[in-house]
N, C-alpha and C. Protein backbone atom coordinates (compact mmCIF):
# COMPACT_ATOMS: atom_id res chain seq x y z
N MET A 1 88.73 155.44 98.35
CA MET A 1 90.00 154.79 98.10
C MET A 1 90.33 153.80 99.20
N LEU A 2 90.08 154.18 100.45
CA LEU A 2 90.39 153.32 101.58
C LEU A 2 89.51 152.07 101.58
N ASP A 3 88.26 152.23 101.12
CA ASP A 3 87.36 151.08 101.06
C ASP A 3 87.89 150.03 100.09
N TRP A 4 88.41 150.45 98.95
CA TRP A 4 88.96 149.50 97.98
C TRP A 4 90.19 148.80 98.53
N LEU A 5 90.99 149.53 99.25
CA LEU A 5 92.20 148.97 99.83
C LEU A 5 91.85 147.91 100.88
N ILE A 6 90.88 148.20 101.70
CA ILE A 6 90.44 147.24 102.71
C ILE A 6 89.83 146.01 102.03
N LEU A 7 89.02 146.21 101.02
CA LEU A 7 88.43 145.09 100.29
C LEU A 7 89.52 144.25 99.62
N PHE A 8 90.48 144.91 99.00
CA PHE A 8 91.59 144.21 98.36
C PHE A 8 92.38 143.39 99.39
N TYR A 9 92.59 143.96 100.55
CA TYR A 9 93.31 143.27 101.63
C TYR A 9 92.56 142.01 102.06
N PHE A 10 91.26 142.13 102.29
CA PHE A 10 90.49 140.96 102.74
C PHE A 10 90.39 139.90 101.66
N VAL A 11 90.22 140.28 100.42
CA VAL A 11 90.19 139.31 99.33
C VAL A 11 91.54 138.60 99.22
N GLY A 12 92.61 139.35 99.32
CA GLY A 12 93.94 138.75 99.28
C GLY A 12 94.17 137.78 100.41
N MET A 13 93.77 138.15 101.62
CA MET A 13 93.91 137.25 102.77
C MET A 13 93.07 135.99 102.58
N PHE A 14 91.86 136.14 102.05
CA PHE A 14 91.00 134.99 101.81
C PHE A 14 91.64 134.04 100.80
N VAL A 15 92.20 134.58 99.72
CA VAL A 15 92.84 133.74 98.70
C VAL A 15 94.03 133.00 99.30
N LEU A 16 94.87 133.70 100.03
CA LEU A 16 96.02 133.04 100.65
C LEU A 16 95.59 131.98 101.65
N PHE A 17 94.60 132.29 102.46
CA PHE A 17 94.09 131.34 103.44
C PHE A 17 93.50 130.12 102.75
N PHE A 18 92.77 130.33 101.66
CA PHE A 18 92.16 129.22 100.92
C PHE A 18 93.22 128.25 100.42
N PHE A 19 94.28 128.75 99.80
CA PHE A 19 95.31 127.86 99.27
C PHE A 19 96.14 127.22 100.39
N TRP A 20 96.27 127.89 101.51
CA TRP A 20 96.97 127.32 102.65
C TRP A 20 96.17 126.13 103.19
N ILE A 21 94.87 126.30 103.37
CA ILE A 21 94.02 125.21 103.84
C ILE A 21 93.97 124.10 102.81
N TYR A 22 93.88 124.43 101.53
CA TYR A 22 93.87 123.42 100.46
C TYR A 22 95.15 122.58 100.51
N GLY A 23 96.28 123.21 100.72
CA GLY A 23 97.55 122.49 100.80
C GLY A 23 97.59 121.54 101.98
N ILE A 24 97.12 121.99 103.12
CA ILE A 24 97.09 121.13 104.31
C ILE A 24 96.15 119.95 104.09
N ALA A 25 94.96 120.20 103.56
CA ALA A 25 94.00 119.13 103.31
C ALA A 25 94.54 118.14 102.28
N SER A 26 95.19 118.62 101.25
CA SER A 26 95.77 117.76 100.24
C SER A 26 96.85 116.87 100.84
N PHE A 27 97.70 117.45 101.69
CA PHE A 27 98.74 116.68 102.35
C PHE A 27 98.14 115.59 103.23
N VAL A 28 97.13 115.92 104.02
CA VAL A 28 96.49 114.94 104.90
C VAL A 28 95.89 113.81 104.09
N LEU A 29 95.21 114.13 102.99
CA LEU A 29 94.61 113.09 102.17
C LEU A 29 95.66 112.22 101.49
N ASP A 30 96.77 112.81 101.07
CA ASP A 30 97.86 112.02 100.48
C ASP A 30 98.42 111.04 101.50
N VAL A 31 98.62 111.51 102.72
CA VAL A 31 99.14 110.63 103.76
C VAL A 31 98.16 109.50 104.02
N LYS A 32 96.88 109.85 104.12
CA LYS A 32 95.86 108.85 104.42
C LYS A 32 95.70 107.83 103.30
N ASN A 33 95.75 108.27 102.05
CA ASN A 33 95.43 107.39 100.93
C ASN A 33 96.65 106.76 100.26
N LYS A 34 97.85 107.27 100.50
CA LYS A 34 99.03 106.74 99.81
C LYS A 34 100.10 106.26 100.77
N VAL A 35 100.45 107.07 101.73
CA VAL A 35 101.57 106.74 102.60
C VAL A 35 101.20 105.62 103.57
N ILE A 36 100.09 105.74 104.26
CA ILE A 36 99.70 104.73 105.24
C ILE A 36 99.46 103.37 104.57
N PRO A 37 98.73 103.29 103.45
CA PRO A 37 98.60 101.97 102.79
C PRO A 37 99.95 101.43 102.31
N GLY A 38 100.85 102.30 101.88
CA GLY A 38 102.17 101.85 101.46
C GLY A 38 102.95 101.25 102.62
N ILE A 39 102.87 101.86 103.78
CA ILE A 39 103.55 101.34 104.96
C ILE A 39 102.95 100.00 105.36
N ARG A 40 101.63 99.90 105.32
CA ARG A 40 100.98 98.62 105.66
C ARG A 40 101.39 97.51 104.69
N LYS A 41 101.43 97.84 103.41
CA LYS A 41 101.84 96.86 102.40
C LYS A 41 103.29 96.43 102.63
N TYR A 42 104.15 97.38 102.93
CA TYR A 42 105.56 97.07 103.20
C TYR A 42 105.69 96.12 104.40
N ARG A 43 104.98 96.44 105.49
CA ARG A 43 105.06 95.62 106.70
C ARG A 43 104.48 94.23 106.45
N ARG A 44 103.39 94.16 105.68
CA ARG A 44 102.79 92.86 105.35
C ARG A 44 103.77 92.02 104.54
N GLY A 45 104.44 92.64 103.58
CA GLY A 45 105.42 91.94 102.76
C GLY A 45 106.59 91.43 103.59
N ARG A 46 107.06 92.26 104.55
CA ARG A 46 108.15 91.83 105.41
C ARG A 46 107.72 90.65 106.27
N ALA A 47 106.49 90.67 106.76
CA ALA A 47 106.00 89.56 107.59
C ALA A 47 105.90 88.28 106.75
N GLU A 48 105.45 88.40 105.51
CA GLU A 48 105.37 87.24 104.63
C GLU A 48 106.75 86.68 104.32
N GLN A 49 107.72 87.56 104.10
CA GLN A 49 109.08 87.10 103.86
C GLN A 49 109.64 86.37 105.07
N ALA A 50 109.38 86.89 106.25
CA ALA A 50 109.86 86.24 107.48
C ALA A 50 109.20 84.87 107.63
N ALA A 51 107.92 84.77 107.34
CA ALA A 51 107.23 83.48 107.44
C ALA A 51 107.79 82.49 106.42
N LYS A 52 108.04 82.94 105.21
CA LYS A 52 108.64 82.05 104.20
C LYS A 52 110.02 81.58 104.63
N ARG A 53 110.82 82.51 105.15
CA ARG A 53 112.17 82.17 105.59
C ARG A 53 112.12 81.13 106.71
N GLU A 54 111.20 81.31 107.66
CA GLU A 54 111.06 80.36 108.77
C GLU A 54 110.61 79.00 108.26
N GLN A 55 109.67 79.00 107.33
CA GLN A 55 109.18 77.75 106.76
C GLN A 55 110.30 77.03 106.01
N GLU A 56 111.12 77.77 105.29
CA GLU A 56 112.25 77.18 104.55
C GLU A 56 113.27 76.59 105.53
N GLN A 57 113.53 77.28 106.61
CA GLN A 57 114.46 76.76 107.61
C GLN A 57 113.95 75.48 108.24
N LYS A 58 112.64 75.42 108.52
CA LYS A 58 112.06 74.19 109.08
C LYS A 58 112.17 73.05 108.08
N ARG A 59 111.91 73.34 106.80
CA ARG A 59 112.00 72.31 105.77
C ARG A 59 113.43 71.79 105.66
N GLU A 60 114.40 72.69 105.67
CA GLU A 60 115.80 72.28 105.59
C GLU A 60 116.21 71.46 106.81
N GLU A 61 115.72 71.85 107.99
CA GLU A 61 116.02 71.10 109.20
C GLU A 61 115.44 69.70 109.12
N ASN A 62 114.21 69.59 108.62
CA ASN A 62 113.59 68.27 108.46
C ASN A 62 114.38 67.42 107.47
N GLU A 63 114.86 68.04 106.39
CA GLU A 63 115.65 67.29 105.40
C GLU A 63 116.97 66.81 106.02
N ARG A 64 117.61 67.64 106.85
CA ARG A 64 118.86 67.23 107.50
C ARG A 64 118.62 66.08 108.46
N GLN A 65 117.47 66.09 109.14
CA GLN A 65 117.19 65.03 110.10
C GLN A 65 116.92 63.70 109.38
N LEU A 66 116.40 63.79 108.14
CA LEU A 66 116.11 62.55 107.40
C LEU A 66 117.38 61.88 106.91
N TYR A 67 118.45 62.62 106.69
CA TYR A 67 119.68 62.04 106.16
C TYR A 67 120.66 61.74 107.20
């Protein structure tokens, strides 16, 4: 009886440990494949918007100087 209990305990611990590790690995891969590229895309878009805004301001300044 004690042997079955010990076996059941170790199998249960292995199952819990497996899903715990699976959850951590899944989280790390989600961060690597979704969150980090999303942040890079967001920052790239903000930089492009700033460049467009600066270019528009220069164009408007040139137009004011012509008139």
